[in-house]
Amino acid sequence: MVLGRLLHSLLNNARLVEKLSETQPIRQAARITVSLASRLELAGQRAAERVRRSGAVRKLLERTELPRQLGGLSQWAARLRDSWARGLREAPKEAPGRKKQK
């Protein structure tokens, strides 16, 4: 508890943070962090480009039944509603193992 308050007060001291930011270890840590973030971003962009070029997403979208337009969405929702209603009508009126209420 005391250590947390002490650390909090030190990190909220603008003068101390400025002095720390000018030290070599902090600058090196910042360079490493920026370098790593840049590499990861570039790797993500390359991976996305490979997926786009491979056509995997296009093939997946062609195989799914998800609607592509709003009209398709309403048709899909209507089919879903109808299947739920059919399931409820065909289901037994009472779940097995439950007692009937009088």
N, C-alpha and C. Protein backbone atom coordinates (compact mmCIF):
# COMPACT_ATOMS: atom_id res chain seq x y z
N MET A 1 0.83 -1.18 0.00
CA MET A 1 0.00 0.00 0.00
C MET A 1 0.88 1.25 0.00
N VAL A 2 1.83 1.30 0.89
CA VAL A 2 2.72 2.46 0.98
C VAL A 2 3.61 2.54 -0.25
N LEU A 3 4.09 1.39 -0.70
CA LEU A 3 4.94 1.36 -1.88
C LEU A 3 4.17 1.84 -3.11
N GLY A 4 2.90 1.45 -3.21
CA GLY A 4 2.07 1.88 -4.32
C GLY A 4 1.87 3.39 -4.33
N ARG A 5 1.62 3.94 -3.15
CA ARG A 5 1.45 5.40 -3.07
C ARG A 5 2.73 6.14 -3.41
N LEU A 6 3.85 5.60 -2.95
CA LEU A 6 5.14 6.21 -3.24
C LEU A 6 5.42 6.17 -4.74
N LEU A 7 5.18 5.03 -5.37
CA LEU A 7 5.39 4.90 -6.80
C LEU A 7 4.46 5.83 -7.56
N HIS A 8 3.23 5.92 -7.13
CA HIS A 8 2.25 6.80 -7.77
C HIS A 8 2.70 8.26 -7.69
N SER A 9 3.17 8.67 -6.54
CA SER A 9 3.60 10.07 -6.39
C SER A 9 4.86 10.34 -7.21
N LEU A 10 5.74 9.37 -7.32
CA LEU A 10 6.94 9.57 -8.13
C LEU A 10 6.60 9.65 -9.62
N LEU A 11 5.69 8.81 -10.08
CA LEU A 11 5.35 8.82 -11.49
C LEU A 11 4.52 10.04 -11.88
N ASN A 12 3.87 10.67 -10.93
CA ASN A 12 3.10 11.87 -11.21
C ASN A 12 3.94 13.14 -11.07
N ASN A 13 5.20 13.00 -10.74
CA ASN A 13 6.11 14.13 -10.64
C ASN A 13 6.69 14.39 -12.03
N ALA A 14 6.24 15.47 -12.68
CA ALA A 14 6.63 15.76 -14.06
C ALA A 14 8.13 15.97 -14.20
N ARG A 15 8.72 16.61 -13.24
CA ARG A 15 10.16 16.87 -13.31
C ARG A 15 10.96 15.57 -13.27
N LEU A 16 10.57 14.65 -12.39
CA LEU A 16 11.25 13.37 -12.29
C LEU A 16 11.08 12.54 -13.56
N VAL A 17 9.87 12.54 -14.10
CA VAL A 17 9.60 11.78 -15.33
C VAL A 17 10.43 12.35 -16.48
N GLU A 18 10.54 13.67 -16.55
CA GLU A 18 11.35 14.29 -17.60
C GLU A 18 12.82 13.91 -17.47
N LYS A 19 13.34 13.92 -16.25
CA LYS A 19 14.74 13.55 -16.04
C LYS A 19 14.96 12.08 -16.39
N LEU A 20 14.01 11.22 -16.01
CA LEU A 20 14.14 9.80 -16.33
C LEU A 20 14.09 9.57 -17.84
N SER A 21 13.28 10.34 -18.54
CA SER A 21 13.16 10.15 -19.99
C SER A 21 14.43 10.53 -20.72
N GLU A 22 15.29 11.28 -20.09
CA GLU A 22 16.55 11.68 -20.72
C GLU A 22 17.67 10.69 -20.44
N THR A 23 17.42 9.68 -19.63
CA THR A 23 18.48 8.71 -19.31
C THR A 23 18.60 7.68 -20.43
N GLN A 24 19.80 7.11 -20.55
CA GLN A 24 20.08 6.15 -21.61
C GLN A 24 19.22 4.88 -21.52
N PRO A 25 19.04 4.26 -20.36
CA PRO A 25 18.23 3.03 -20.32
C PRO A 25 16.77 3.25 -20.74
N ILE A 26 16.20 4.38 -20.36
CA ILE A 26 14.82 4.67 -20.74
C ILE A 26 14.73 4.93 -22.24
N ARG A 27 15.70 5.66 -22.78
CA ARG A 27 15.70 5.92 -24.21
C ARG A 27 15.86 4.61 -25.00
N GLN A 28 16.73 3.74 -24.53
CA GLN A 28 16.93 2.46 -25.21
C GLN A 28 15.65 1.61 -25.15
N ALA A 29 14.98 1.60 -24.00
CA ALA A 29 13.73 0.86 -23.88
C ALA A 29 12.67 1.43 -24.83
N ALA A 30 12.64 2.74 -24.97
CA ALA A 30 11.68 3.37 -25.88
C ALA A 30 11.99 2.99 -27.33
N ARG A 31 13.28 2.97 -27.70
CA ARG A 31 13.66 2.58 -29.06
C ARG A 31 13.26 1.14 -29.35
N ILE A 32 13.50 0.26 -28.38
CA ILE A 32 13.14 -1.15 -28.56
C ILE A 32 11.63 -1.30 -28.71
N THR A 33 10.89 -0.58 -27.89
CA THR A 33 9.42 -0.65 -27.95
C THR A 33 8.90 -0.18 -29.30
N VAL A 34 9.42 0.94 -29.79
CA VAL A 34 8.98 1.47 -31.08
C VAL A 34 9.37 0.52 -32.21
N SER A 35 10.56 -0.03 -32.13
CA SER A 35 11.01 -0.96 -33.15
C SER A 35 10.13 -2.20 -33.19
N LEU A 36 9.81 -2.74 -32.02
CA LEU A 36 8.96 -3.93 -31.95
C LEU A 36 7.55 -3.65 -32.46
N ALA A 37 7.02 -2.50 -32.08
CA ALA A 37 5.68 -2.13 -32.54
C ALA A 37 5.65 -1.97 -34.06
N SER A 38 6.69 -1.37 -34.62
CA SER A 38 6.77 -1.18 -36.07
C SER A 38 6.87 -2.53 -36.79
N ARG A 39 7.69 -3.42 -36.27
CA ARG A 39 7.84 -4.74 -36.88
C ARG A 39 6.53 -5.52 -36.84
N LEU A 40 5.85 -5.46 -35.71
CA LEU A 40 4.58 -6.18 -35.59
C LEU A 40 3.52 -5.61 -36.54
N GLU A 41 3.48 -4.30 -36.67
CA GLU A 41 2.52 -3.68 -37.58
C GLU A 41 2.80 -4.09 -39.02
N LEU A 42 4.07 -4.07 -39.40
CA LEU A 42 4.45 -4.46 -40.75
C LEU A 42 4.13 -5.94 -41.00
N ALA A 43 4.39 -6.79 -40.02
CA ALA A 43 4.08 -8.21 -40.17
C ALA A 43 2.58 -8.43 -40.31
N GLY A 44 1.79 -7.69 -39.56
CA GLY A 44 0.34 -7.79 -39.67
C GLY A 44 -0.16 -7.35 -41.04
N GLN A 45 0.40 -6.28 -41.56
CA GLN A 45 0.02 -5.80 -42.89
C GLN A 45 0.38 -6.83 -43.95
N ARG A 46 1.56 -7.42 -43.82
CA ARG A 46 1.98 -8.44 -44.79
C ARG A 46 1.07 -9.67 -44.73
N ALA A 47 0.72 -10.08 -43.52
CA ALA A 47 -0.16 -11.24 -43.36
C ALA A 47 -1.54 -10.95 -43.96
N ALA A 48 -2.05 -9.76 -43.73
CA ALA A 48 -3.35 -9.39 -44.29
C ALA A 48 -3.29 -9.38 -45.81
N GLU A 49 -2.20 -8.91 -46.35
CA GLU A 49 -2.05 -8.88 -47.81
C GLU A 49 -1.98 -10.30 -48.37
N ARG A 50 -1.27 -11.20 -47.69
CA ARG A 50 -1.21 -12.59 -48.15
C ARG A 50 -2.59 -13.25 -48.13
N VAL A 51 -3.35 -12.97 -47.08
CA VAL A 51 -4.70 -13.54 -46.99
C VAL A 51 -5.57 -12.97 -48.09
N ARG A 52 -5.45 -11.69 -48.35
CA ARG A 52 -6.25 -11.06 -49.40
C ARG A 52 -5.90 -11.65 -50.76
N ARG A 53 -4.61 -11.82 -51.03
CA ARG A 53 -4.19 -12.37 -52.31
C ARG A 53 -4.57 -13.83 -52.48
N SER A 54 -4.61 -14.58 -51.40
CA SER A 54 -4.91 -16.01 -51.50
C SER A 54 -6.38 -16.25 -51.82
N GLY A 55 -7.23 -15.29 -51.53
CA GLY A 55 -8.65 -15.46 -51.82
C GLY A 55 -9.37 -16.29 -50.78
N ALA A 56 -8.72 -16.55 -49.66
CA ALA A 56 -9.33 -17.39 -48.63
C ALA A 56 -10.59 -16.74 -48.06
N VAL A 57 -10.55 -15.44 -47.87
CA VAL A 57 -11.71 -14.75 -47.32
C VAL A 57 -12.86 -14.78 -48.32
N ARG A 58 -12.54 -14.57 -49.59
CA ARG A 58 -13.57 -14.60 -50.63
C ARG A 58 -14.21 -15.99 -50.70
N LYS A 59 -13.39 -17.03 -50.64
CA LYS A 59 -13.91 -18.40 -50.67
C LYS A 59 -14.79 -18.67 -49.45
N LEU A 60 -14.36 -18.19 -48.30
CA LEU A 60 -15.14 -18.40 -47.08
C LEU A 60 -16.48 -17.69 -47.18
N LEU A 61 -16.49 -16.47 -47.69
CA LEU A 61 -17.74 -15.74 -47.85
C LEU A 61 -18.66 -16.41 -48.87
N GLU A 62 -18.08 -17.00 -49.91
CA GLU A 62 -18.90 -17.69 -50.90
C GLU A 62 -19.56 -18.94 -50.31
N ARG A 63 -18.88 -19.59 -49.38
CA ARG A 63 -19.40 -20.83 -48.81
C ARG A 63 -20.39 -20.61 -47.68
N THR A 64 -20.38 -19.46 -47.08
CA THR A 64 -21.29 -19.20 -45.97
C THR A 64 -22.63 -18.76 -46.48
N GLU A 65 -23.62 -18.85 -45.65
CA GLU A 65 -24.97 -18.45 -46.02
C GLU A 65 -25.30 -17.06 -45.48
N LEU A 66 -24.31 -16.32 -45.05
CA LEU A 66 -24.56 -15.00 -44.52
C LEU A 66 -25.04 -14.08 -45.64
N PRO A 67 -26.02 -13.27 -45.38
CA PRO A 67 -26.55 -12.39 -46.41
C PRO A 67 -25.56 -11.30 -46.77
N ARG A 68 -25.57 -10.92 -48.03
CA ARG A 68 -24.66 -9.89 -48.49
C ARG A 68 -25.31 -8.51 -48.50
N GLN A 69 -26.62 -8.48 -48.55
CA GLN A 69 -27.31 -7.20 -48.60
C GLN A 69 -28.40 -7.19 -47.54
N LEU A 70 -29.00 -6.03 -47.36
CA LEU A 70 -30.05 -5.90 -46.34
C LEU A 70 -31.24 -6.78 -46.68
N GLY A 71 -31.58 -6.90 -47.95
CA GLY A 71 -32.68 -7.78 -48.35
C GLY A 71 -32.40 -9.22 -47.97
N GLY A 72 -31.17 -9.62 -48.17
CA GLY A 72 -30.76 -10.97 -47.78
C GLY A 72 -30.82 -11.16 -46.29
N LEU A 73 -30.52 -10.09 -45.56
CA LEU A 73 -30.58 -10.16 -44.10
C LEU A 73 -32.00 -10.38 -43.63
N SER A 74 -32.96 -9.71 -44.24
CA SER A 74 -34.35 -9.88 -43.81
C SER A 74 -34.84 -11.28 -44.16
N GLN A 75 -34.43 -11.82 -45.29
CA GLN A 75 -34.80 -13.19 -45.66
C GLN A 75 -34.18 -14.19 -44.68
N TRP A 76 -32.93 -13.95 -44.34
CA TRP A 76 -32.24 -14.82 -43.40
C TRP A 76 -32.92 -14.77 -42.04
N ALA A 77 -33.30 -13.57 -41.58
CA ALA A 77 -33.98 -13.42 -40.29
C ALA A 77 -35.35 -14.11 -40.32
N ALA A 78 -36.04 -14.04 -41.46
CA ALA A 78 -37.34 -14.69 -41.57
C ALA A 78 -37.18 -16.21 -41.50
N ARG A 79 -36.15 -16.75 -42.16
CA ARG A 79 -35.91 -18.20 -42.09
C ARG A 79 -35.58 -18.62 -40.66
N LEU A 80 -34.77 -17.81 -39.99
CA LEU A 80 -34.42 -18.12 -38.61
C LEU A 80 -35.66 -18.10 -37.73
N ARG A 81 -36.50 -17.09 -37.88
CA ARG A 81 -37.73 -16.99 -37.10
C ARG A 81 -38.63 -18.20 -37.35
N ASP A 82 -38.77 -18.57 -38.62
CA ASP A 82 -39.63 -19.70 -38.96
C ASP A 82 -39.09 -21.01 -38.38
N SER A 83 -37.78 -21.18 -38.42
CA SER A 83 -37.23 -22.43 -37.87
C SER A 83 -37.40 -22.48 -36.36
N TRP A 84 -37.25 -21.35 -35.67
CA TRP A 84 -37.48 -21.30 -34.22
C TRP A 84 -38.94 -21.61 -33.91
N ALA A 85 -39.85 -21.01 -34.66
CA ALA A 85 -41.27 -21.24 -34.42
C ALA A 85 -41.62 -22.70 -34.67
N ARG A 86 -41.08 -23.28 -35.73
CA ARG A 86 -41.33 -24.69 -36.03
C ARG A 86 -40.80 -25.58 -34.91
N GLY A 87 -39.61 -25.25 -34.41
CA GLY A 87 -39.03 -26.03 -33.32
C GLY A 87 -39.87 -25.94 -32.06
N LEU A 88 -40.42 -24.78 -31.78
CA LEU A 88 -41.25 -24.62 -30.59
C LEU A 88 -42.58 -25.36 -30.72
N ARG A 89 -43.13 -25.36 -31.92
CA ARG A 89 -44.40 -26.08 -32.13
C ARG A 89 -44.20 -27.58 -32.03
N GLU A 90 -43.07 -28.08 -32.56
CA GLU A 90 -42.82 -29.51 -32.57
C GLU A 90 -42.29 -30.02 -31.24
N ALA A 91 -41.78 -29.14 -30.39
CA ALA A 91 -41.23 -29.55 -29.10
C ALA A 91 -42.37 -30.03 -28.20
N PRO A 92 -42.07 -30.95 -27.30
CA PRO A 92 -43.11 -31.37 -26.35
C PRO A 92 -43.57 -30.19 -25.52
N LYS A 93 -44.83 -30.24 -25.14
CA LYS A 93 -45.41 -29.13 -24.39
C LYS A 93 -44.74 -28.92 -23.05
N GLU A 94 -44.23 -29.97 -22.49
CA GLU A 94 -43.59 -29.87 -21.18
C GLU A 94 -42.30 -30.66 -21.19
N ALA A 95 -41.29 -30.13 -20.57
CA ALA A 95 -40.00 -30.79 -20.53
C ALA A 95 -40.10 -32.06 -19.70
N PRO A 96 -39.43 -33.12 -20.10
CA PRO A 96 -39.51 -34.36 -19.34
C PRO A 96 -38.89 -34.18 -17.96
N GLY A 97 -39.52 -34.82 -16.99
CA GLY A 97 -39.00 -34.76 -15.62
C GLY A 97 -39.58 -33.63 -14.79
N ARG A 98 -40.35 -32.76 -15.40
CA ARG A 98 -40.96 -31.66 -14.63
C ARG A 98 -42.38 -32.04 -14.25
N LYS A 99 -42.76 -31.65 -13.08
CA LYS A 99 -44.11 -31.95 -12.60
C LYS A 99 -45.10 -30.96 -13.18
N LYS A 100 -46.29 -31.45 -13.44
CA LYS A 100 -47.34 -30.57 -13.94
C LYS A 100 -47.86 -29.72 -12.82
N GLN A 101 -48.12 -28.46 -13.14
CA GLN A 101 -48.68 -27.57 -12.13
C GLN A 101 -50.20 -27.66 -12.15
N LYS A 102 -50.80 -27.62 -10.96
CA LYS A 102 -52.25 -27.73 -10.87
C LYS A 102 -52.91 -26.40 -10.77
